[in-house]
Amino acid sequence: MSKMSWISYLCETGNRKALVEEVGSVEIANEFLDAHIIMRNNKENPAYQKLNEIHDEMQKDVNTEIGEICEHGNSWLSNCSDCDNL
């Protein structure tokens, strides 16, 4: 997983404490969070659509890697019918 994917995940989940630890500064962490909120709030704006798509893909990658979703994009809690992990 790339560092940017992890930073995106921390912003998406609102984990400010871990984000500060990751980037090394409260100010930089706050800037990442502010930018992430602006991006997500403007997902219908054409200027932000591709950026949101990129971040959505990063979220899938991180969630798969940390085991929150299966390779089919479903939560493990939803008992994905395509997985052998039922």
PDB file of N, CA and C in Angstrom:
ATOM      1  N   MET A   1       0.854  -1.173   0.000  1.00  0.00           N
ATOM      2  CA  MET A   1       0.000   0.000   0.000  1.00  0.00           C
ATOM      3  C   MET A   1       0.896   1.230   0.000  1.00  0.00           C
ATOM      4  N   SER A   2       0.509   2.208  -0.782  1.00  0.00           N
ATOM      5  CA  SER A   2       1.298   3.439  -0.842  1.00  0.00           C
ATOM      6  C   SER A   2       1.005   4.315   0.368  1.00  0.00           C
ATOM      7  N   LYS A   3       1.937   5.203   0.644  1.00  0.00           N
ATOM      8  CA  LYS A   3       1.760   6.130   1.761  1.00  0.00           C
ATOM      9  C   LYS A   3       0.546   7.026   1.520  1.00  0.00           C
ATOM     10  N   MET A   4       0.356   7.459   0.263  1.00  0.00           N
ATOM     11  CA  MET A   4      -0.792   8.319  -0.037  1.00  0.00           C
ATOM     12  C   MET A   4      -2.106   7.585   0.165  1.00  0.00           C
ATOM     13  N   SER A   5      -2.149   6.298  -0.155  1.00  0.00           N
ATOM     14  CA  SER A   5      -3.362   5.513   0.088  1.00  0.00           C
ATOM     15  C   SER A   5      -3.671   5.477   1.577  1.00  0.00           C
ATOM     16  N   TRP A   6      -2.638   5.302   2.383  1.00  0.00           N
ATOM     17  CA  TRP A   6      -2.836   5.246   3.833  1.00  0.00           C
ATOM     18  C   TRP A   6      -3.289   6.604   4.368  1.00  0.00           C
ATOM     19  N   ILE A   7      -2.691   7.685   3.874  1.00  0.00           N
ATOM     20  CA  ILE A   7      -3.104   9.028   4.293  1.00  0.00           C
ATOM     21  C   ILE A   7      -4.554   9.276   3.883  1.00  0.00           C
ATOM     22  N   SER A   8      -4.916   8.863   2.682  1.00  0.00           N
ATOM     23  CA  SER A   8      -6.303   8.999   2.228  1.00  0.00           C
ATOM     24  C   SER A   8      -7.251   8.240   3.149  1.00  0.00           C
ATOM     25  N   TYR A   9      -6.861   7.027   3.529  1.00  0.00           N
ATOM     26  CA  TYR A   9      -7.684   6.209   4.432  1.00  0.00           C
ATOM     27  C   TYR A   9      -7.855   6.910   5.781  1.00  0.00           C
ATOM     28  N   LEU A  10      -6.764   7.450   6.312  1.00  0.00           N
ATOM     29  CA  LEU A  10      -6.851   8.129   7.604  1.00  0.00           C
ATOM     30  C   LEU A  10      -7.752   9.360   7.516  1.00  0.00           C
ATOM     31  N   CYS A  11      -7.690  10.075   6.402  1.00  0.00           N
ATOM     32  CA  CYS A  11      -8.592  11.218   6.203  1.00  0.00           C
ATOM     33  C   CYS A  11     -10.035  10.749   6.082  1.00  0.00           C
ATOM     34  N   GLU A  12     -10.241   9.695   5.301  1.00  0.00           N
ATOM     35  CA  GLU A  12     -11.590   9.171   5.077  1.00  0.00           C
ATOM     36  C   GLU A  12     -12.237   8.721   6.389  1.00  0.00           C
ATOM     37  N   THR A  13     -11.442   8.122   7.269  1.00  0.00           N
ATOM     38  CA  THR A  13     -11.968   7.617   8.539  1.00  0.00           C
ATOM     39  C   THR A  13     -11.916   8.670   9.642  1.00  0.00           C
ATOM     40  N   GLY A  14     -11.325   9.835   9.334  1.00  0.00           N
ATOM     41  CA  GLY A  14     -11.257  10.908  10.326  1.00  0.00           C
ATOM     42  C   GLY A  14     -10.313  10.621  11.478  1.00  0.00           C
ATOM     43  N   ASN A  15      -9.319   9.773  11.240  1.00  0.00           N
ATOM     44  CA  ASN A  15      -8.389   9.395  12.302  1.00  0.00           C
ATOM     45  C   ASN A  15      -7.261  10.429  12.389  1.00  0.00           C
ATOM     46  N   ARG A  16      -7.577  11.551  13.023  1.00  0.00           N
ATOM     47  CA  ARG A  16      -6.654  12.683  13.123  1.00  0.00           C
ATOM     48  C   ARG A  16      -5.370  12.305  13.865  1.00  0.00           C
ATOM     49  N   LYS A  17      -5.488  11.560  14.940  1.00  0.00           N
ATOM     50  CA  LYS A  17      -4.313  11.201  15.742  1.00  0.00           C
ATOM     51  C   LYS A  17      -3.308  10.402  14.903  1.00  0.00           C
ATOM     52  N   ALA A  18      -3.782   9.376  14.210  1.00  0.00           N
ATOM     53  CA  ALA A  18      -2.888   8.564  13.378  1.00  0.00           C
ATOM     54  C   ALA A  18      -2.351   9.380  12.199  1.00  0.00           C
ATOM     55  N   LEU A  19      -3.164  10.295  11.674  1.00  0.00           N
ATOM     56  CA  LEU A  19      -2.728  11.134  10.564  1.00  0.00           C
ATOM     57  C   LEU A  19      -1.592  12.055  11.004  1.00  0.00           C
ATOM     58  N   VAL A  20      -1.719  12.636  12.184  1.00  0.00           N
ATOM     59  CA  VAL A  20      -0.651  13.491  12.712  1.00  0.00           C
ATOM     60  C   VAL A  20       0.630  12.678  12.866  1.00  0.00           C
ATOM     61  N   GLU A  21       0.514  11.469  13.388  1.00  0.00           N
ATOM     62  CA  GLU A  21       1.682  10.605  13.536  1.00  0.00           C
ATOM     63  C   GLU A  21       2.293  10.281  12.167  1.00  0.00           C
ATOM     64  N   GLU A  22       1.457  10.052  11.178  1.00  0.00           N
ATOM     65  CA  GLU A  22       1.934   9.680   9.839  1.00  0.00           C
ATOM     66  C   GLU A  22       2.662  10.824   9.146  1.00  0.00           C
ATOM     67  N   VAL A  23       2.102  12.032   9.232  1.00  0.00           N
ATOM     68  CA  VAL A  23       2.690  13.168   8.503  1.00  0.00           C
ATOM     69  C   VAL A  23       3.630  13.998   9.361  1.00  0.00           C
ATOM     70  N   GLY A  24       3.603  13.797  10.667  1.00  0.00           N
ATOM     71  CA  GLY A  24       4.559  14.454  11.550  1.00  0.00           C
ATOM     72  C   GLY A  24       4.235  15.866  11.975  1.00  0.00           C
ATOM     73  N   SER A  25       3.040  16.336  11.664  1.00  0.00           N
ATOM     74  CA  SER A  25       2.692  17.717  11.995  1.00  0.00           C
ATOM     75  C   SER A  25       1.175  17.868  12.084  1.00  0.00           C
ATOM     76  N   VAL A  26       0.731  18.569  13.121  1.00  0.00           N
ATOM     77  CA  VAL A  26      -0.698  18.842  13.279  1.00  0.00           C
ATOM     78  C   VAL A  26      -1.190  19.722  12.136  1.00  0.00           C
ATOM     79  N   GLU A  27      -0.380  20.715  11.758  1.00  0.00           N
ATOM     80  CA  GLU A  27      -0.786  21.636  10.696  1.00  0.00           C
ATOM     81  C   GLU A  27      -0.960  20.915   9.365  1.00  0.00           C
ATOM     82  N   ILE A  28      -0.011  20.047   9.022  1.00  0.00           N
ATOM     83  CA  ILE A  28      -0.111  19.315   7.754  1.00  0.00           C
ATOM     84  C   ILE A  28      -1.293  18.351   7.797  1.00  0.00           C
ATOM     85  N   ALA A  29      -1.486  17.686   8.929  1.00  0.00           N
ATOM     86  CA  ALA A  29      -2.621  16.770   9.068  1.00  0.00           C
ATOM     87  C   ALA A  29      -3.934  17.522   8.879  1.00  0.00           C
ATOM     88  N   ASN A  30      -4.042  18.696   9.477  1.00  0.00           N
ATOM     89  CA  ASN A  30      -5.263  19.491   9.332  1.00  0.00           C
ATOM     90  C   ASN A  30      -5.487  19.910   7.882  1.00  0.00           C
ATOM     91  N   GLU A  31      -4.413  20.249   7.169  1.00  0.00           N
ATOM     92  CA  GLU A  31      -4.534  20.613   5.753  1.00  0.00           C
ATOM     93  C   GLU A  31      -5.015  19.419   4.926  1.00  0.00           C
ATOM     94  N   PHE A  32      -4.468  18.229   5.192  1.00  0.00           N
ATOM     95  CA  PHE A  32      -4.932  17.027   4.499  1.00  0.00           C
ATOM     96  C   PHE A  32      -6.417  16.795   4.766  1.00  0.00           C
ATOM     97  N   LEU A  33      -6.829  16.904   6.030  1.00  0.00           N
ATOM     98  CA  LEU A  33      -8.233  16.675   6.379  1.00  0.00           C
ATOM     99  C   LEU A  33      -9.144  17.706   5.724  1.00  0.00           C
ATOM    100  N   ASP A  34      -8.744  18.969   5.765  1.00  0.00           N
ATOM    101  CA  ASP A  34      -9.552  20.022   5.138  1.00  0.00           C
ATOM    102  C   ASP A  34      -9.702  19.780   3.641  1.00  0.00           C
ATOM    103  N   ALA A  35      -8.599  19.450   2.976  1.00  0.00           N
ATOM    104  CA  ALA A  35      -8.639  19.199   1.538  1.00  0.00           C
ATOM    105  C   ALA A  35      -9.508  17.986   1.220  1.00  0.00           C
ATOM    106  N   HIS A  36      -9.420  16.956   2.058  1.00  0.00           N
ATOM    107  CA  HIS A  36     -10.212  15.740   1.841  1.00  0.00           C
ATOM    108  C   HIS A  36     -11.710  16.040   1.969  1.00  0.00           C
ATOM    109  N   ILE A  37     -12.059  16.816   2.959  1.00  0.00           N
ATOM    110  CA  ILE A  37     -13.468  17.196   3.161  1.00  0.00           C
ATOM    111  C   ILE A  37     -13.973  18.012   1.971  1.00  0.00           C
ATOM    112  N   ILE A  38     -13.175  18.970   1.523  1.00  0.00           N
ATOM    113  CA  ILE A  38     -13.568  19.786   0.362  1.00  0.00           C
ATOM    114  C   ILE A  38     -13.760  18.897  -0.861  1.00  0.00           C
ATOM    115  N   MET A  39     -12.812  17.975  -1.080  1.00  0.00           N
ATOM    116  CA  MET A  39     -12.903  17.072  -2.227  1.00  0.00           C
ATOM    117  C   MET A  39     -14.182  16.236  -2.162  1.00  0.00           C
ATOM    118  N   ARG A  40     -14.446  15.617  -1.016  1.00  0.00           N
ATOM    119  CA  ARG A  40     -15.628  14.763  -0.871  1.00  0.00           C
ATOM    120  C   ARG A  40     -16.924  15.568  -0.973  1.00  0.00           C
ATOM    121  N   ASN A  41     -16.932  16.776  -0.440  1.00  0.00           N
ATOM    122  CA  ASN A  41     -18.138  17.608  -0.513  1.00  0.00           C
ATOM    123  C   ASN A  41     -18.429  18.104  -1.926  1.00  0.00           C
ATOM    124  N   ASN A  42     -17.434  18.042  -2.798  1.00  0.00           N
ATOM    125  CA  ASN A  42     -17.590  18.520  -4.171  1.00  0.00           C
ATOM    126  C   ASN A  42     -17.509  17.391  -5.187  1.00  0.00           C
ATOM    127  N   LYS A  43     -17.906  16.197  -4.788  1.00  0.00           N
ATOM    128  CA  LYS A  43     -17.746  15.038  -5.672  1.00  0.00           C
ATOM    129  C   LYS A  43     -18.568  15.141  -6.957  1.00  0.00           C
ATOM    130  N   GLU A  44     -19.604  15.954  -6.978  1.00  0.00           N
ATOM    131  CA  GLU A  44     -20.415  16.128  -8.184  1.00  0.00           C
ATOM    132  C   GLU A  44     -19.843  17.198  -9.110  1.00  0.00           C
ATOM    133  N   ASN A  45     -18.927  17.988  -8.612  1.00  0.00           N
ATOM    134  CA  ASN A  45     -18.280  19.029  -9.397  1.00  0.00           C
ATOM    135  C   ASN A  45     -17.288  18.363 -10.348  1.00  0.00           C
ATOM    136  N   PRO A  46     -17.378  18.626 -11.651  1.00  0.00           N
ATOM    137  CA  PRO A  46     -16.476  17.982 -12.615  1.00  0.00           C
ATOM    138  C   PRO A  46     -14.991  18.141 -12.276  1.00  0.00           C
ATOM    139  N   ALA A  47     -14.634  19.232 -11.640  1.00  0.00           N
ATOM    140  CA  ALA A  47     -13.235  19.462 -11.282  1.00  0.00           C
ATOM    141  C   ALA A  47     -12.748  18.482 -10.218  1.00  0.00           C
ATOM    142  N   TYR A  48     -13.660  17.891  -9.471  1.00  0.00           N
ATOM    143  CA  TYR A  48     -13.290  16.982  -8.385  1.00  0.00           C
ATOM    144  C   TYR A  48     -13.651  15.524  -8.673  1.00  0.00           C
ATOM    145  N   GLN A  49     -14.373  15.253  -9.741  1.00  0.00           N
ATOM    146  CA  GLN A  49     -14.855  13.890  -9.996  1.00  0.00           C
ATOM    147  C   GLN A  49     -13.726  12.879 -10.121  1.00  0.00           C
ATOM    148  N   LYS A  50     -12.730  13.157 -10.937  1.00  0.00           N
ATOM    149  CA  LYS A  50     -11.638  12.197 -11.138  1.00  0.00           C
ATOM    150  C   LYS A  50     -10.850  11.997  -9.848  1.00  0.00           C
ATOM    151  N   LEU A  51     -10.628  13.066  -9.118  1.00  0.00           N
ATOM    152  CA  LEU A  51      -9.917  12.961  -7.841  1.00  0.00           C
ATOM    153  C   LEU A  51     -10.681  12.069  -6.868  1.00  0.00           C
ATOM    154  N   ASN A  52     -11.996  12.209  -6.831  1.00  0.00           N
ATOM    155  CA  ASN A  52     -12.809  11.341  -5.979  1.00  0.00           C
ATOM    156  C   ASN A  52     -12.734   9.892  -6.432  1.00  0.00           C
ATOM    157  N   GLU A  53     -12.730   9.670  -7.749  1.00  0.00           N
ATOM    158  CA  GLU A  53     -12.601   8.296  -8.261  1.00  0.00           C
ATOM    159  C   GLU A  53     -11.272   7.681  -7.825  1.00  0.00           C
ATOM    160  N   ILE A  54     -10.206   8.455  -7.912  1.00  0.00           N
ATOM    161  CA  ILE A  54      -8.890   7.976  -7.490  1.00  0.00           C
ATOM    162  C   ILE A  54      -8.899   7.623  -6.011  1.00  0.00           C
ATOM    163  N   HIS A  55      -9.486   8.475  -5.206  1.00  0.00           N
ATOM    164  CA  HIS A  55      -9.539   8.210  -3.761  1.00  0.00           C
ATOM    165  C   HIS A  55     -10.451   7.033  -3.440  1.00  0.00           C
ATOM    166  N   ASP A  56     -11.528   6.857  -4.190  1.00  0.00           N
ATOM    167  CA  ASP A  56     -12.385   5.685  -3.986  1.00  0.00           C
ATOM    168  C   ASP A  56     -11.600   4.401  -4.241  1.00  0.00           C
ATOM    169  N   GLU A  57     -10.787   4.394  -5.293  1.00  0.00           N
ATOM    170  CA  GLU A  57      -9.962   3.220  -5.587  1.00  0.00           C
ATOM    171  C   GLU A  57      -8.932   2.984  -4.483  1.00  0.00           C
ATOM    172  N   MET A  58      -8.346   4.074  -3.982  1.00  0.00           N
ATOM    173  CA  MET A  58      -7.384   3.930  -2.882  1.00  0.00           C
ATOM    174  C   MET A  58      -8.059   3.343  -1.649  1.00  0.00           C
ATOM    175  N   GLN A  59      -9.302   3.770  -1.390  1.00  0.00           N
ATOM    176  CA  GLN A  59     -10.021   3.239  -0.228  1.00  0.00           C
ATOM    177  C   GLN A  59     -10.255   1.743  -0.377  1.00  0.00           C
ATOM    178  N   LYS A  60     -10.634   1.311  -1.581  1.00  0.00           N
ATOM    179  CA  LYS A  60     -10.839  -0.125  -1.813  1.00  0.00           C
ATOM    180  C   LYS A  60      -9.543  -0.894  -1.576  1.00  0.00           C
ATOM    181  N   ASP A  61      -8.438  -0.366  -2.096  1.00  0.00           N
ATOM    182  CA  ASP A  61      -7.145  -1.036  -1.931  1.00  0.00           C
ATOM    183  C   ASP A  61      -6.755  -1.161  -0.462  1.00  0.00           C
ATOM    184  N   VAL A  62      -6.891  -0.077   0.271  1.00  0.00           N
ATOM    185  CA  VAL A  62      -6.518  -0.093   1.690  1.00  0.00           C
ATOM    186  C   VAL A  62      -7.441  -1.012   2.469  1.00  0.00           C
ATOM    187  N   ASN A  63      -8.750  -0.900   2.228  1.00  0.00           N
ATOM    188  CA  ASN A  63      -9.702  -1.744   2.959  1.00  0.00           C
ATOM    189  C   ASN A  63      -9.480  -3.219   2.676  1.00  0.00           C
ATOM    190  N   THR A  64      -9.125  -3.547   1.436  1.00  0.00           N
ATOM    191  CA  THR A  64      -8.827  -4.934   1.107  1.00  0.00           C
ATOM    192  C   THR A  64      -7.568  -5.380   1.835  1.00  0.00           C
ATOM    193  N   GLU A  65      -6.552  -4.529   1.824  1.00  0.00           N
ATOM    194  CA  GLU A  65      -5.284  -4.884   2.453  1.00  0.00           C
ATOM    195  C   GLU A  65      -5.405  -5.052   3.960  1.00  0.00           C
ATOM    196  N   ILE A  66      -6.203  -4.208   4.597  1.00  0.00           N
ATOM    197  CA  ILE A  66      -6.330  -4.332   6.055  1.00  0.00           C
ATOM    198  C   ILE A  66      -7.467  -5.275   6.441  1.00  0.00           C
ATOM    199  N   GLY A  67      -8.133  -5.841   5.440  1.00  0.00           N
ATOM    200  CA  GLY A  67      -9.117  -6.878   5.702  1.00  0.00           C
ATOM    201  C   GLY A  67     -10.513  -6.420   6.032  1.00  0.00           C
ATOM    202  N   GLU A  68     -10.849  -5.170   5.733  1.00  0.00           N
ATOM    203  CA  GLU A  68     -12.200  -4.698   6.023  1.00  0.00           C
ATOM    204  C   GLU A  68     -13.188  -5.058   4.927  1.00  0.00           C
ATOM    205  N   ILE A  69     -12.694  -5.223   3.706  1.00  0.00           N
ATOM    206  CA  ILE A  69     -13.568  -5.659   2.626  1.00  0.00           C
ATOM    207  C   ILE A  69     -12.886  -6.788   1.869  1.00  0.00           C
ATOM    208  N   CYS A  70     -13.661  -7.596   1.215  1.00  0.00           N
ATOM    209  CA  CYS A  70     -13.102  -8.705   0.439  1.00  0.00           C
ATOM    210  C   CYS A  70     -12.653  -8.214  -0.925  1.00  0.00           C
ATOM    211  N   GLU A  71     -12.076  -9.094  -1.695  1.00  0.00           N
ATOM    212  CA  GLU A  71     -11.574  -8.716  -3.018  1.00  0.00           C
ATOM    213  C   GLU A  71     -12.675  -8.324  -3.986  1.00  0.00           C
ATOM    214  N   HIS A  72     -13.931  -8.616  -3.644  1.00  0.00           N
ATOM    215  CA  HIS A  72     -15.068  -8.256  -4.497  1.00  0.00           C
ATOM    216  C   HIS A  72     -15.681  -6.920  -4.106  1.00  0.00           C
ATOM    217  N   GLY A  73     -15.099  -6.276  -3.087  1.00  0.00           N
ATOM    218  CA  GLY A  73     -15.573  -4.963  -2.662  1.00  0.00           C
ATOM    219  C   GLY A  73     -16.686  -5.000  -1.640  1.00  0.00           C
ATOM    220  N   ASN A  74     -16.955  -6.173  -1.053  1.00  0.00           N
ATOM    221  CA  ASN A  74     -18.017  -6.297  -0.049  1.00  0.00           C
ATOM    222  C   ASN A  74     -17.416  -6.382   1.347  1.00  0.00           C
ATOM    223  N   SER A  75     -18.132  -5.858   2.318  1.00  0.00           N
ATOM    224  CA  SER A  75     -17.692  -5.983   3.701  1.00  0.00           C
ATOM    225  C   SER A  75     -17.701  -7.448   4.105  1.00  0.00           C
ATOM    226  N   TRP A  76     -16.690  -7.849   4.868  1.00  0.00           N
ATOM    227  CA  TRP A  76     -16.676  -9.228   5.357  1.00  0.00           C
ATOM    228  C   TRP A  76     -17.944  -9.519   6.167  1.00  0.00           C
ATOM    229  N   LEU A  77     -18.494  -8.486   6.766  1.00  0.00           N
ATOM    230  CA  LEU A  77     -19.697  -8.672   7.576  1.00  0.00           C
ATOM    231  C   LEU A  77     -20.926  -8.987   6.718  1.00  0.00           C
ATOM    232  N   SER A  78     -20.846  -8.682   5.419  1.00  0.00           N
ATOM    233  CA  SER A  78     -22.017  -8.927   4.561  1.00  0.00           C
ATOM    234  C   SER A  78     -22.045 -10.347   4.001  1.00  0.00           C
ATOM    235  N   ASN A  79     -21.039 -11.160   4.344  1.00  0.00           N
ATOM    236  CA  ASN A  79     -20.974 -12.544   3.858  1.00  0.00           C
ATOM    237  C   ASN A  79     -21.073 -12.608   2.349  1.00  0.00           C
ATOM    238  N   CYS A  80     -20.044 -12.139   1.691  1.00  0.00           N
ATOM    239  CA  CYS A  80     -19.981 -12.117   0.224  1.00  0.00           C
ATOM    240  C   CYS A  80     -20.190 -13.499  -0.338  1.00  0.00           C
ATOM    241  N   SER A  81     -21.166 -13.660  -1.206  1.00  0.00           N
ATOM    242  CA  SER A  81     -21.467 -14.961  -1.784  1.00  0.00           C
ATOM    243  C   SER A  81     -20.400 -15.433  -2.767  1.00  0.00           C
ATOM    244  N   ASP A  82     -19.529 -14.501  -3.193  1.00  0.00           N
ATOM    245  CA  ASP A  82     -18.467 -14.879  -4.113  1.00  0.00           C
ATOM    246  C   ASP A  82     -17.178 -15.325  -3.402  1.00  0.00           C
ATOM    247  N   CYS A  83     -17.138 -15.167  -2.095  1.00  0.00           N
ATOM    248  CA  CYS A  83     -15.938 -15.520  -1.338  1.00  0.00           C
ATOM    249  C   CYS A  83     -16.065 -16.924  -0.729  1.00  0.00           C
ATOM    250  N   ASP A  84     -14.932 -17.484  -0.483  1.00  0.00           N
ATOM    251  CA  ASP A  84     -14.903 -18.779   0.231  1.00  0.00           C
ATOM    252  C   ASP A  84     -14.877 -18.561   1.733  1.00  0.00           C
ATOM    253  N   ASN A  85     -14.917 -17.287   2.154  1.00  0.00           N
ATOM    254  CA  ASN A  85     -14.774 -16.956   3.571  1.00  0.00           C
ATOM    255  C   ASN A  85     -16.104 -16.794   4.285  1.00  0.00           C
ATOM    256  N   LEU A  86     -17.095 -17.544   3.921  1.00  0.00           N
ATOM    257  CA  LEU A  86     -18.423 -17.418   4.545  1.00  0.00           C
ATOM    258  C   LEU A  86     -18.484 -18.117   5.874  1.00  0.00           C
TER     259      LEU A  86
END
